[in-house]
C-alpha atoms as a PDB file:
ATOM      1  CA  MET A   1     -80.236  69.947  10.363  1.00  0.00           C
ATOM      2  CA  PRO A   2     -84.292  71.258  10.561  1.00  0.00           C
ATOM      3  CA  LEU A   3     -85.490  73.759  12.391  1.00  0.00           C
ATOM      4  CA  PRO A   4     -87.513  74.795  14.005  1.00  0.00           C
ATOM      5  CA  GLY A   5     -87.125  72.360  16.857  1.00  0.00           C
ATOM      6  CA  LYS A   6     -83.777  70.299  17.220  1.00  0.00           C
ATOM      7  CA  VAL A   7     -80.354  70.790  16.295  1.00  0.00           C
ATOM      8  CA  THR A   8     -77.704  68.092  16.328  1.00  0.00           C
ATOM      9  CA  PHE A   9     -74.049  69.213  15.831  1.00  0.00           C
ATOM     10  CA  ARG A  10     -71.473  65.883  15.891  1.00  0.00           C
ATOM     11  CA  GLU A  11     -68.378  66.146  17.512  1.00  0.00           C
ATOM     12  CA  GLY A  12     -66.438  62.958  17.113  1.00  0.00           C
ATOM     13  CA  VAL A  13     -67.464  59.337  17.266  1.00  0.00           C
ATOM     14  CA  GLY A  14     -69.279  58.779  20.131  1.00  0.00           C
ATOM     15  CA  GLN A  15     -70.047  61.985  21.136  1.00  0.00           C
ATOM     16  CA  THR A  16     -72.784  64.663  20.458  1.00  0.00           C
ATOM     17  CA  VAL A  17     -74.415  68.116  21.525  1.00  0.00           C
ATOM     18  CA  ARG A  18     -78.032  68.655  21.079  1.00  0.00           C
ATOM     19  CA  VAL A  19     -79.327  71.976  21.407  1.00  0.00           C
ATOM     20  CA  THR A  20     -82.484  73.362  20.892  1.00  0.00           C
ATOM     21  CA  ASN A  21     -84.303  77.197  19.781  1.00  0.00           C
ATOM     22  CA  SER A  22     -86.456  76.709  22.625  1.00  0.00           C
ATOM     23  CA  SER A  23     -85.980  79.820  25.018  1.00  0.00           C
ATOM     24  CA  ALA A  24     -86.496  77.082  27.811  1.00  0.00           C
ATOM     25  CA  ASP A  25     -83.600  75.635  27.333  1.00  0.00           C
ATOM     26  CA  ALA A  26     -81.316  78.739  27.505  1.00  0.00           C
ATOM     27  CA  ALA A  27     -79.950  77.955  31.024  1.00  0.00           C
ATOM     28  CA  PRO A  28     -76.380  77.329  30.720  1.00  0.00           C
ATOM     29  CA  THR A  29     -74.834  74.207  32.107  1.00  0.00           C
ATOM     30  CA  ALA A  30     -71.199  72.887  33.225  1.00  0.00           C
ATOM     31  CA  ASP A  31     -70.633  71.458  29.198  1.00  0.00           C
ATOM     32  CA  ALA A  32     -72.696  74.046  27.573  1.00  0.00           C
ATOM     33  CA  ALA A  33     -71.526  75.678  24.198  1.00  0.00           C
ATOM     34  CA  PRO A  34     -70.902  79.569  24.442  1.00  0.00           C
ATOM     35  CA  THR A  35     -73.445  82.096  23.722  1.00  0.00           C
ATOM     36  CA  ALA A  36     -71.687  84.352  21.996  1.00  0.00           C
ATOM     37  CA  HIS A  37     -71.794  85.093  17.826  1.00  0.00           C
ATOM     38  CA  LEU A  38     -71.518  87.123  15.399  1.00  0.00           C
ATOM     39  CA  GLU A  39     -74.247  89.719  13.348  1.00  0.00           C
ATOM     40  CA  LEU A  40     -73.948  88.405  10.229  1.00  0.00           C
ATOM     41  CA  PRO A  41     -75.868  90.857   7.466  1.00  0.00           C
ATOM     42  CA  GLY A  42     -78.463  88.491   5.909  1.00  0.00           C
ATOM     43  CA  TRP A  43     -78.489  85.802   8.252  1.00  0.00           C
ATOM     44  CA  ARG A  44     -80.036  85.269  11.457  1.00  0.00           C
ATOM     45  CA  TYR A  45     -78.527  83.614  14.622  1.00  0.00           C
ATOM     46  CA  VAL A  46     -80.328  80.375  15.555  1.00  0.00           C
ATOM     47  CA  THR A  47     -78.482  78.248  17.667  1.00  0.00           C
ATOM     48  CA  SER A  48     -74.906  76.851  18.920  1.00  0.00           C
ATOM     49  CA  GLY A  49     -73.234  73.654  19.544  1.00  0.00           C
ATOM     50  CA  LYS A  50     -69.852  72.886  21.428  1.00  0.00           C
ATOM     51  CA  VAL A  51     -67.637  73.927  17.955  1.00  0.00           C
ATOM     52  CA  ARG A  52     -70.567  74.914  15.388  1.00  0.00           C
ATOM     53  CA  ASP A  53     -72.992  78.155  15.281  1.00  0.00           C
ATOM     54  CA  LEU A  54     -75.834  77.833  13.005  1.00  0.00           C
ATOM     55  CA  TYR A  55     -77.605  80.803  11.419  1.00  0.00           C
ATOM     56  CA  GLU A  56     -80.748  80.508   9.048  1.00  0.00           C
ATOM     57  CA  PRO A  57     -81.300  83.694   6.463  1.00  0.00           C
ATOM     58  CA  ALA A  58     -82.959  86.574   7.368  1.00  0.00           C
ATOM     59  CA  GLU A  59     -85.268  86.686   4.512  1.00  0.00           C
ATOM     60  CA  PRO A  60     -88.079  83.934   3.829  1.00  0.00           C
ATOM     61  CA  ALA A  61     -87.181  80.767   2.295  1.00  0.00           C
ATOM     62  CA  GLY A  62     -89.086  81.747  -0.812  1.00  0.00           C
ATOM     63  CA  GLN A  63     -86.751  84.971  -1.125  1.00  0.00           C
ATOM     64  CA  ALA A  64     -83.550  83.663  -0.093  1.00  0.00           C
ATOM     65  CA  PRO A  65     -80.478  83.753  -2.237  1.00  0.00           C
ATOM     66  CA  HIS A  66     -80.059  80.058  -2.020  1.00  0.00           C
ATOM     67  CA  GLY A  67     -83.554  79.419  -1.091  1.00  0.00           C
ATOM     68  CA  ASP A  68     -83.754  77.178   2.118  1.00  0.00           C
ATOM     69  CA  VAL A  69     -80.424  76.479   3.477  1.00  0.00           C
ATOM     70  CA  ILE A  70     -78.466  76.946   6.569  1.00  0.00           C
ATOM     71  CA  LEU A  71     -75.124  78.493   7.491  1.00  0.00           C
ATOM     72  CA  VAL A  72     -73.059  76.417   9.266  1.00  0.00           C
ATOM     73  CA  VAL A  73     -69.976  78.041  10.846  1.00  0.00           C
ATOM     74  CA  THR A  74     -67.150  75.955  12.476  1.00  0.00           C
ATOM     75  CA  SER A  75     -65.522  78.108  15.327  1.00  0.00           C
ATOM     76  CA  ASP A  76     -62.112  77.801  16.751  1.00  0.00           C
ATOM     77  CA  ARG A  77     -63.608  76.034  19.805  1.00  0.00           C
ATOM     78  CA  ILE A  78     -62.592  72.919  21.347  1.00  0.00           C
ATOM     79  CA  SER A  79     -63.991  70.439  23.571  1.00  0.00           C
ATOM     80  CA  ALA A  80     -62.881  67.826  25.940  1.00  0.00           C
ATOM     81  CA  TYR A  81     -64.565  65.293  28.252  1.00  0.00           C
ATOM     82  CA  ASP A  82     -68.063  67.324  27.638  1.00  0.00           C
ATOM     83  CA  TYR A  83     -66.677  70.494  28.237  1.00  0.00           C
ATOM     84  CA  VAL A  84     -65.933  73.531  26.040  1.00  0.00           C
ATOM     85  CA  LEU A  85     -62.453  74.930  26.562  1.00  0.00           C
ATOM     86  CA  GLN A  86     -61.730  78.308  27.227  1.00  0.00           C
ATOM     87  CA  THR A  87     -59.049  78.413  25.079  1.00  0.00           C
ATOM     88  CA  PRO A  88     -59.662  78.032  21.688  1.00  0.00           C
ATOM     89  CA  ILE A  89     -57.164  77.055  18.841  1.00  0.00           C
ATOM     90  CA  PRO A  90     -56.187  78.958  16.012  1.00  0.00           C
ATOM     91  CA  ASP A  91     -57.496  78.108  12.779  1.00  0.00           C
ATOM     92  CA  LYS A  92     -59.270  75.121  13.550  1.00  0.00           C
ATOM     93  CA  GLY A  93     -62.414  75.972  11.974  1.00  0.00           C
ATOM     94  CA  LYS A  94     -60.849  77.021   8.789  1.00  0.00           C
ATOM     95  CA  VAL A  95     -59.137  73.483   9.031  1.00  0.00           C
ATOM     96  CA  LEU A  96     -62.455  71.464   9.474  1.00  0.00           C
ATOM     97  CA  THR A  97     -64.140  73.829   7.137  1.00  0.00           C
ATOM     98  CA  ALA A  98     -62.076  73.280   4.009  1.00  0.00           C
ATOM     99  CA  LEU A  99     -61.387  70.178   4.606  1.00  0.00           C
ATOM    100  CA  THR A 100     -65.123  69.160   5.012  1.00  0.00           C
ATOM    101  CA  ALA A 101     -65.291  70.861   1.480  1.00  0.00           C
ATOM    102  CA  TRP A 102     -62.481  68.848  -0.145  1.00  0.00           C
ATOM    103  CA  TRP A 103     -64.235  65.167   1.095  1.00  0.00           C
ATOM    104  CA  PHE A 104     -67.661  66.661  -0.060  1.00  0.00           C
ATOM    105  CA  GLU A 105     -65.589  67.034  -3.747  1.00  0.00           C
ATOM    106  CA  GLN A 106     -64.068  63.612  -3.054  1.00  0.00           C
ATOM    107  CA  LEU A 107     -66.730  61.700  -2.138  1.00  0.00           C
ATOM    108  CA  ALA A 108     -69.282  63.139  -4.638  1.00  0.00           C
ATOM    109  CA  ASP A 109     -69.512  60.193  -6.944  1.00  0.00           C
ATOM    110  CA  VAL A 110     -70.380  57.968  -3.913  1.00  0.00           C
ATOM    111  CA  LEU A 111     -73.374  60.369  -2.580  1.00  0.00           C
ATOM    112  CA  PRO A 112     -75.093  64.010  -3.112  1.00  0.00           C
ATOM    113  CA  ASN A 113     -73.550  66.440  -0.307  1.00  0.00           C
ATOM    114  CA  HIS A 114     -75.308  69.401   1.519  1.00  0.00           C
ATOM    115  CA  LEU A 115     -73.129  71.943   0.664  1.00  0.00           C
ATOM    116  CA  VAL A 116     -74.332  74.678  -1.718  1.00  0.00           C
ATOM    117  CA  SER A 117     -71.895  77.592  -1.464  1.00  0.00           C
ATOM    118  CA  LEU A 118     -68.705  78.654   0.566  1.00  0.00           C
ATOM    119  CA  ASP A 119     -69.327  82.187  -0.391  1.00  0.00           C
ATOM    120  CA  VAL A 120     -69.865  83.151   3.148  1.00  0.00           C
ATOM    121  CA  PRO A 121     -70.134  86.567   4.668  1.00  0.00           C
ATOM    122  CA  GLU A 122     -66.537  87.669   5.077  1.00  0.00           C
ATOM    123  CA  ALA A 123     -66.160  87.914   9.119  1.00  0.00           C
ATOM    124  CA  VAL A 124     -66.654  84.181   8.682  1.00  0.00           C
ATOM    125  CA  LYS A 125     -64.713  83.306   5.738  1.00  0.00           C
ATOM    126  CA  GLY A 126     -63.512  80.097   5.653  1.00  0.00           C
ATOM    127  CA  ARG A 127     -65.207  78.775   8.214  1.00  0.00           C
ATOM    128  CA  GLY A 128     -69.036  78.966   7.044  1.00  0.00           C
ATOM    129  CA  MET A 129     -70.884  76.698   4.651  1.00  0.00           C
ATOM    130  CA  ILE A 130     -74.079  77.072   2.807  1.00  0.00           C
ATOM    131  CA  CYS A 131     -76.022  74.235   2.966  1.00  0.00           C
ATOM    132  CA  ARG A 132     -79.062  72.927   2.119  1.00  0.00           C
ATOM    133  CA  ARG A 133     -81.804  72.165   4.842  1.00  0.00           C
ATOM    134  CA  LEU A 134     -82.121  68.400   4.887  1.00  0.00           C
ATOM    135  CA  ASP A 135     -84.487  66.181   6.837  1.00  0.00           C
ATOM    136  CA  MET A 136     -81.829  64.030   9.154  1.00  0.00           C
ATOM    137  CA  TYR A 137     -81.905  60.747   9.757  1.00  0.00           C
ATOM    138  CA  PRO A 138     -81.670  60.170  13.539  1.00  0.00           C
ATOM    139  CA  VAL A 139     -79.286  57.836  14.226  1.00  0.00           C
ATOM    140  CA  GLU A 140     -75.189  58.305  14.028  1.00  0.00           C
ATOM    141  CA  CYS A 141     -73.885  56.411  11.158  1.00  0.00           C
ATOM    142  CA  VAL A 142     -70.548  55.103  12.046  1.00  0.00           C
ATOM    143  CA  ALA A 143     -67.904  52.779  10.192  1.00  0.00           C
ATOM    144  CA  ARG A 144     -65.139  50.682  11.661  1.00  0.00           C
ATOM    145  CA  GLY A 145     -62.287  49.720  10.303  1.00  0.00           C
ATOM    146  CA  TYR A 146     -60.462  48.884  13.194  1.00  0.00           C
ATOM    147  CA  LEU A 147     -61.199  48.170  16.636  1.00  0.00           C
ATOM    148  CA  THR A 148     -60.289  50.802  19.290  1.00  0.00           C
ATOM    149  CA  GLY A 149     -62.362  52.883  21.272  1.00  0.00           C
ATOM    150  CA  SER A 150     -65.893  52.061  22.370  1.00  0.00           C
ATOM    151  CA  GLY A 151     -66.015  49.410  19.804  1.00  0.00           C
ATOM    152  CA  LEU A 152     -62.975  47.559  21.827  1.00  0.00           C
ATOM    153  CA  LYS A 153     -64.833  47.752  24.694  1.00  0.00           C
ATOM    154  CA  GLU A 154     -67.641  45.995  23.648  1.00  0.00           C
ATOM    155  CA  TYR A 155     -65.821  43.631  21.744  1.00  0.00           C
ATOM    156  CA  GLN A 156     -63.706  42.652  25.294  1.00  0.00           C
ATOM    157  CA  GLN A 157     -66.799  41.987  26.701  1.00  0.00           C
ATOM    158  CA  THR A 158     -68.882  40.197  24.441  1.00  0.00           C
ATOM    159  CA  GLY A 159     -66.617  39.489  21.358  1.00  0.00           C
ATOM    160  CA  GLU A 160     -69.009  41.530  19.058  1.00  0.00           C
ATOM    161  CA  VAL A 161     -69.512  45.185  18.308  1.00  0.00           C
ATOM    162  CA  THR A 162     -73.013  46.378  18.098  1.00  0.00           C
ATOM    163  CA  GLY A 163     -74.186  42.514  17.556  1.00  0.00           C
ATOM    164  CA  ILE A 164     -71.329  41.499  14.386  1.00  0.00           C
ATOM    165  CA  PRO A 165     -69.473  38.632  15.853  1.00  0.00           C
ATOM    166  CA  LEU A 166     -65.586  39.304  15.551  1.00  0.00           C
ATOM    167  CA  PRO A 167     -62.114  37.178  15.670  1.00  0.00           C
ATOM    168  CA  PRO A 168     -61.394  36.008  18.912  1.00  0.00           C
ATOM    169  CA  GLY A 169     -57.848  37.722  20.031  1.00  0.00           C
ATOM    170  CA  LEU A 170     -58.219  41.175  18.371  1.00  0.00           C
ATOM    171  CA  THR A 171     -56.382  44.078  20.010  1.00  0.00           C
ATOM    172  CA  ASP A 172     -56.524  47.270  20.405  1.00  0.00           C
ATOM    173  CA  GLY A 173     -55.841  48.990  16.800  1.00  0.00           C
ATOM    174  CA  ALA A 174     -56.176  45.949  15.284  1.00  0.00           C
ATOM    175  CA  ARG A 175     -58.041  46.024  11.476  1.00  0.00           C
ATOM    176  CA  LEU A 176     -61.031  44.248  11.227  1.00  0.00           C
ATOM    177  CA  PRO A 177     -61.213  41.696   8.161  1.00  0.00           C
ATOM    178  CA  GLN A 178     -63.941  44.042   6.954  1.00  0.00           C
ATOM    179  CA  PRO A 179     -65.254  47.175   7.901  1.00  0.00           C
ATOM    180  CA  ILE A 180     -68.525  47.304   9.652  1.00  0.00           C
ATOM    181  CA  PHE A 181     -71.499  49.483  10.629  1.00  0.00           C
ATOM    182  CA  THR A 182     -71.697  50.170  13.851  1.00  0.00           C
ATOM    183  CA  PRO A 183     -74.697  52.662  14.374  1.00  0.00           C
ATOM    184  CA  ALA A 184     -75.399  54.507  17.620  1.00  0.00           C
ATOM    185  CA  THR A 185     -78.240  56.792  19.092  1.00  0.00           C
ATOM    186  CA  LYS A 186     -78.008  60.475  19.438  1.00  0.00           C
ATOM    187  CA  ALA A 187     -77.784  61.411  22.612  1.00  0.00           C
ATOM    188  CA  GLU A 188     -79.024  64.094  24.531  1.00  0.00           C
ATOM    189  CA  ILE A 189     -76.715  67.130  26.154  1.00  0.00           C
ATOM    190  CA  GLY A 190     -74.520  65.874  28.610  1.00  0.00           C
ATOM    191  CA  GLU A 191     -74.565  62.734  27.349  1.00  0.00           C
ATOM    192  CA  HIS A 192     -73.134  60.049  25.408  1.00  0.00           C
ATOM    193  CA  ASP A 193     -74.005  58.252  22.698  1.00  0.00           C
ATOM    194  CA  GLU A 194     -74.919  54.393  22.490  1.00  0.00           C
ATOM    195  CA  ASN A 195     -73.980  51.840  20.179  1.00  0.00           C
ATOM    196  CA  VAL A 196     -77.094  50.198  19.008  1.00  0.00           C
ATOM    197  CA  ALA A 197     -77.576  47.070  16.417  1.00  0.00           C
ATOM    198  CA  PHE A 198     -78.774  47.037  13.212  1.00  0.00           C
ATOM    199  CA  GLY A 199     -81.809  45.932  13.925  1.00  0.00           C
ATOM    200  CA  TYR A 200     -82.721  48.650  16.257  1.00  0.00           C
ATOM    201  CA  VAL A 201     -82.120  50.931  13.277  1.00  0.00           C
ATOM    202  CA  ALA A 202     -84.529  48.745  11.384  1.00  0.00           C
ATOM    203  CA  ASN A 203     -87.065  48.719  14.007  1.00  0.00           C
ATOM    204  CA  LEU A 204     -86.733  52.642  13.670  1.00  0.00           C
ATOM    205  CA  LEU A 205     -86.629  53.862  10.499  1.00  0.00           C
ATOM    206  CA  GLY A 206     -87.625  50.473   8.664  1.00  0.00           C
ATOM    207  CA  PRO A 207     -85.745  47.535   7.062  1.00  0.00           C
ATOM    208  CA  ASP A 208     -85.026  49.481   3.786  1.00  0.00           C
ATOM    209  CA  VAL A 209     -83.789  52.594   5.174  1.00  0.00           C
ATOM    210  CA  ALA A 210     -81.500  51.047   7.565  1.00  0.00           C
ATOM    211  CA  ALA A 211     -79.895  49.086   4.731  1.00  0.00           C
ATOM    212  CA  GLY A 212     -79.601  52.320   2.512  1.00  0.00           C
ATOM    213  CA  LEU A 213     -77.799  54.345   5.356  1.00  0.00           C
ATOM    214  CA  ARG A 214     -75.084  51.225   6.421  1.00  0.00           C
ATOM    215  CA  ASP A 215     -74.754  50.748   2.610  1.00  0.00           C
ATOM    216  CA  ALA A 216     -73.672  54.268   2.220  1.00  0.00           C
ATOM    217  CA  THR A 217     -71.757  54.895   5.157  1.00  0.00           C
ATOM    218  CA  LEU A 218     -69.833  51.656   4.325  1.00  0.00           C
ATOM    219  CA  ALA A 219     -69.112  52.608   0.428  1.00  0.00           C
ATOM    220  CA  LEU A 220     -68.285  56.048   1.595  1.00  0.00           C
ATOM    221  CA  TYR A 221     -65.677  54.970   4.543  1.00  0.00           C
ATOM    222  CA  SER A 222     -64.370  52.323   2.130  1.00  0.00           C
ATOM    223  CA  LYS A 223     -63.766  55.119  -0.857  1.00  0.00           C
ATOM    224  CA  ALA A 224     -62.271  57.392   1.814  1.00  0.00           C
ATOM    225  CA  GLU A 225     -59.959  54.947   3.453  1.00  0.00           C
ATOM    226  CA  GLN A 226     -58.434  54.397   0.442  1.00  0.00           C
ATOM    227  CA  ILE A 227     -58.052  58.300  -0.583  1.00  0.00           C
ATOM    228  CA  ALA A 228     -56.385  58.299   3.319  1.00  0.00           C
ATOM    229  CA  ARG A 229     -54.238  55.564   2.868  1.00  0.00           C
ATOM    230  CA  GLY A 230     -52.508  56.568  -0.538  1.00  0.00           C
ATOM    231  CA  ARG A 231     -51.698  59.810   1.699  1.00  0.00           C
ATOM    232  CA  GLY A 232     -50.261  57.487   4.269  1.00  0.00           C
ATOM    233  CA  LEU A 233     -52.528  57.728   7.154  1.00  0.00           C
ATOM    234  CA  ILE A 234     -54.908  55.206   8.346  1.00  0.00           C
ATOM    235  CA  LEU A 235     -59.019  55.629   8.727  1.00  0.00           C
ATOM    236  CA  ALA A 236     -59.344  53.868  11.776  1.00  0.00           C
ATOM    237  CA  ASP A 237     -63.302  54.703  12.086  1.00  0.00           C
ATOM    238  CA  THR A 238     -65.452  57.535  11.225  1.00  0.00           C
ATOM    239  CA  LYS A 239     -69.145  58.867  11.710  1.00  0.00           C
ATOM    240  CA  PHE A 240     -71.618  60.259   8.708  1.00  0.00           C
ATOM    241  CA  GLU A 241     -74.848  62.351   9.222  1.00  0.00           C
ATOM    242  CA  PHE A 242     -77.575  61.707   6.089  1.00  0.00           C
ATOM    243  CA  GLY A 243     -80.688  63.125   5.415  1.00  0.00           C
ATOM    244  CA  LEU A 244     -83.533  63.427   2.714  1.00  0.00           C
ATOM    245  CA  ASP A 245     -83.102  66.576   0.507  1.00  0.00           C
ATOM    246  CA  PRO A 246     -86.693  67.771   0.809  1.00  0.00           C
ATOM    247  CA  ALA A 247     -86.493  69.052  -2.853  1.00  0.00           C
ATOM    248  CA  SER A 248     -85.309  66.031  -4.489  1.00  0.00           C
ATOM    249  CA  GLY A 249     -86.024  63.064  -1.655  1.00  0.00           C
ATOM    250  CA  ALA A 250     -82.343  61.666  -1.959  1.00  0.00           C
ATOM    251  CA  LEU A 251     -80.467  60.264   0.385  1.00  0.00           C
ATOM    252  CA  THR A 252     -77.624  63.397   1.006  1.00  0.00           C
ATOM    253  CA  LEU A 253     -74.474  63.636   3.206  1.00  0.00           C
ATOM    254  CA  GLY A 254     -74.683  66.255   5.655  1.00  0.00           C
ATOM    255  CA  ASP A 255     -72.994  67.945   8.709  1.00  0.00           C
ATOM    256  CA  GLU A 256     -69.158  68.073   8.271  1.00  0.00           C
ATOM    257  CA  VAL A 257     -67.253  65.027   7.238  1.00  0.00           C
ATOM    258  CA  LEU A 258     -64.029  63.213   7.360  1.00  0.00           C
ATOM    259  CA  THR A 259     -62.505  65.496   9.703  1.00  0.00           C
ATOM    260  CA  PRO A 260     -60.086  65.097  12.810  1.00  0.00           C
ATOM    261  CA  ASP A 261     -63.316  65.712  14.891  1.00  0.00           C
ATOM    262  CA  SER A 262     -65.120  63.252  13.545  1.00  0.00           C
ATOM    263  CA  SER A 263     -63.052  60.498  12.294  1.00  0.00           C
ATOM    264  CA  ARG A 264     -59.788  58.603  13.992  1.00  0.00           C
ATOM    265  CA  TYR A 265     -56.203  59.055  11.454  1.00  0.00           C
ATOM    266  CA  TRP A 266     -53.649  57.111  12.474  1.00  0.00           C
ATOM    267  CA  ASP A 267     -50.351  57.357  10.879  1.00  0.00           C
ATOM    268  CA  VAL A 268     -49.675  54.361   8.811  1.00  0.00           C
ATOM    269  CA  ALA A 269     -45.360  54.529   9.470  1.00  0.00           C
ATOM    270  CA  THR A 270     -46.647  54.120  12.886  1.00  0.00           C
ATOM    271  CA  TRP A 271     -49.432  51.856  13.661  1.00  0.00           C
ATOM    272  CA  ALA A 272     -48.812  49.131  15.873  1.00  0.00           C
ATOM    273  CA  PRO A 273     -51.731  47.203  16.855  1.00  0.00           C
ATOM    274  CA  GLY A 274     -51.717  46.128  20.557  1.00  0.00           C
ATOM    275  CA  GLY A 275     -52.132  49.465  22.265  1.00  0.00           C
ATOM    276  CA  PRO A 276     -53.362  53.399  21.611  1.00  0.00           C
ATOM    277  CA  GLN A 277     -52.423  54.586  18.459  1.00  0.00           C
ATOM    278  CA  PRO A 278     -51.113  58.434  18.097  1.00  0.00           C
ATOM    279  CA  SER A 279     -54.161  60.182  16.641  1.00  0.00           C
ATOM    280  CA  PHE A 280     -54.741  63.204  14.408  1.00  0.00           C
ATOM    281  CA  ASP A 281     -56.944  65.281  16.849  1.00  0.00           C
ATOM    282  CA  LYS A 282     -57.334  66.859  20.238  1.00  0.00           C
ATOM    283  CA  GLN A 283     -54.783  64.283  21.475  1.00  0.00           C
ATOM    284  CA  PHE A 284     -52.270  66.740  23.118  1.00  0.00           C
ATOM    285  CA  VAL A 285     -55.582  68.127  24.758  1.00  0.00           C
ATOM    286  CA  ARG A 286     -56.623  65.197  26.486  1.00  0.00           C
ATOM    287  CA  ASP A 287     -53.071  64.247  27.631  1.00  0.00           C
ATOM    288  CA  TRP A 288     -52.192  67.280  29.436  1.00  0.00           C
ATOM    289  CA  LEU A 289     -55.529  67.488  31.147  1.00  0.00           C
ATOM    290  CA  THR A 290     -55.650  64.285  32.559  1.00  0.00           C
ATOM    291  CA  LYS A 291     -51.803  63.678  33.418  1.00  0.00           C
ATOM    292  CA  GLU A 292     -50.062  67.020  33.890  1.00  0.00           C
ATOM    293  CA  SER A 293     -52.956  69.958  34.169  1.00  0.00           C
ATOM    294  CA  GLY A 294     -54.553  68.480  37.818  1.00  0.00           C
ATOM    295  CA  TRP A 295     -57.844  68.953  36.694  1.00  0.00           C
ATOM    296  CA  ASP A 296     -60.707  67.088  38.581  1.00  0.00           C
ATOM    297  CA  ARG A 297     -63.052  66.632  36.018  1.00  0.00           C
ATOM    298  CA  GLN A 298     -65.307  68.253  37.905  1.00  0.00           C
ATOM    299  CA  SER A 299     -65.140  72.211  37.270  1.00  0.00           C
ATOM    300  CA  GLN A 300     -64.364  73.977  33.960  1.00  0.00           C
ATOM    301  CA  PRO A 301     -61.340  72.554  32.766  1.00  0.00           C
ATOM    302  CA  PRO A 302     -57.759  75.132  32.723  1.00  0.00           C
ATOM    303  CA  ALA A 303     -56.798  76.850  30.122  1.00  0.00           C
ATOM    304  CA  LEU A 304     -54.339  75.843  27.940  1.00  0.00           C
ATOM    305  CA  PRO A 305     -50.609  76.387  27.611  1.00  0.00           C
ATOM    306  CA  ASP A 306     -49.189  77.686  24.884  1.00  0.00           C
ATOM    307  CA  ASP A 307     -47.449  74.585  23.502  1.00  0.00           C
ATOM    308  CA  ILE A 308     -50.061  72.495  23.649  1.00  0.00           C
ATOM    309  CA  VAL A 309     -51.989  74.922  21.797  1.00  0.00           C
ATOM    310  CA  ARG A 310     -48.886  75.235  19.143  1.00  0.00           C
ATOM    311  CA  LYS A 311     -49.050  71.459  19.113  1.00  0.00           C
ATOM    312  CA  THR A 312     -52.692  70.867  19.055  1.00  0.00           C
ATOM    313  CA  ARG A 313     -53.374  73.144  15.980  1.00  0.00           C
ATOM    314  CA  ALA A 314     -49.869  71.736  14.101  1.00  0.00           C
ATOM    315  CA  ARG A 315     -51.856  68.271  14.297  1.00  0.00           C
ATOM    316  CA  TYR A 316     -54.518  69.769  12.843  1.00  0.00           C
ATOM    317  CA  VAL A 317     -53.237  71.615   9.879  1.00  0.00           C
ATOM    318  CA  GLU A 318     -50.844  68.245   9.724  1.00  0.00           C
ATOM    319  CA  ALA A 319     -54.093  65.898   8.477  1.00  0.00           C
ATOM    320  CA  TYR A 320     -55.244  68.608   6.003  1.00  0.00           C
ATOM    321  CA  GLU A 321     -51.986  68.629   4.228  1.00  0.00           C
ATOM    322  CA  ARG A 322     -51.354  64.992   4.384  1.00  0.00           C
ATOM    323  CA  LEU A 323     -54.741  64.446   3.218  1.00  0.00           C
ATOM    324  CA  THR A 324     -55.318  66.761   0.437  1.00  0.00           C
ATOM    325  CA  GLY A 325     -51.604  67.515  -0.774  1.00  0.00           C
ATOM    326  CA  LEU A 326     -52.396  71.471  -0.338  1.00  0.00           C
ATOM    327  CA  PRO A 327     -50.844  73.575   1.899  1.00  0.00           C
ATOM    328  CA  PHE A 328     -53.200  75.190   4.309  1.00  0.00           C
ATOM    329  CA  GLN A 329     -53.505  78.839   4.074  1.00  0.00           C
ATOM    330  CA  ALA A 330     -54.466  80.912   7.140  1.00  0.00           C
END
């Protein structure tokens, strides 16, 4: 998340929000994130994505307690179909932050991460992470162990996913012979990421960097998939963000990781290839918007009913508790 300039917030496999610090980009759009933010002692507000708010130290990096860092605050906002909904999901920010911190710990032996401290101002306690500032690579690093979503659509058209041939006859939800690395570009605001072949990344960043990103992505997915499966969940696919630590030059895992916002989790007990799988994310929200609300998808979505909010919150909390084995502390 380098500053100044563009800062990217990732929000689910195949989705992106990109905003800048420039005042020229301040005009709101239909899918723009809310502009309200907290005033936090010792921190200066920078910008917001659909879900996250970004702050930098009020003091120069050389005088700040943790050095050259940023404060990433995960809100309770929820987005769907490129819109930020007016109804928040209580405790969503805390669930995503706690789960990211837990996964960073589980994966620390695979790759270092950018988390510095969870000791944040009281107003964002449980929702904030102080992170090292990284020089981020401009690609979405996606690992897929199962066929669904945009990968399924591409496979049905070509028999491949980002140029990787797959066996014939695979259905929605099918497990792949082995996990695959399917990178994507980072789209501008209001647009969707585009799946690209490995060669695109190699041409963009060089073959050695591309191979390093691929290997790190698949190594992280392999360990996370095993952990999730041991807890009764299938990690169908996920995305990772990587950058270089300016101080050490080491490839470093950044952003959020392996949350229901950035990953597809399915229940092992109910997995049945051949159709869409119930997932641990905002499925209740999407289903209500498209099937029950009467929303025309051209205007701001309506407020969510209380039962949809409760069910969505419960799904996020269940994912956290099943993965970590810990009770969620609101």
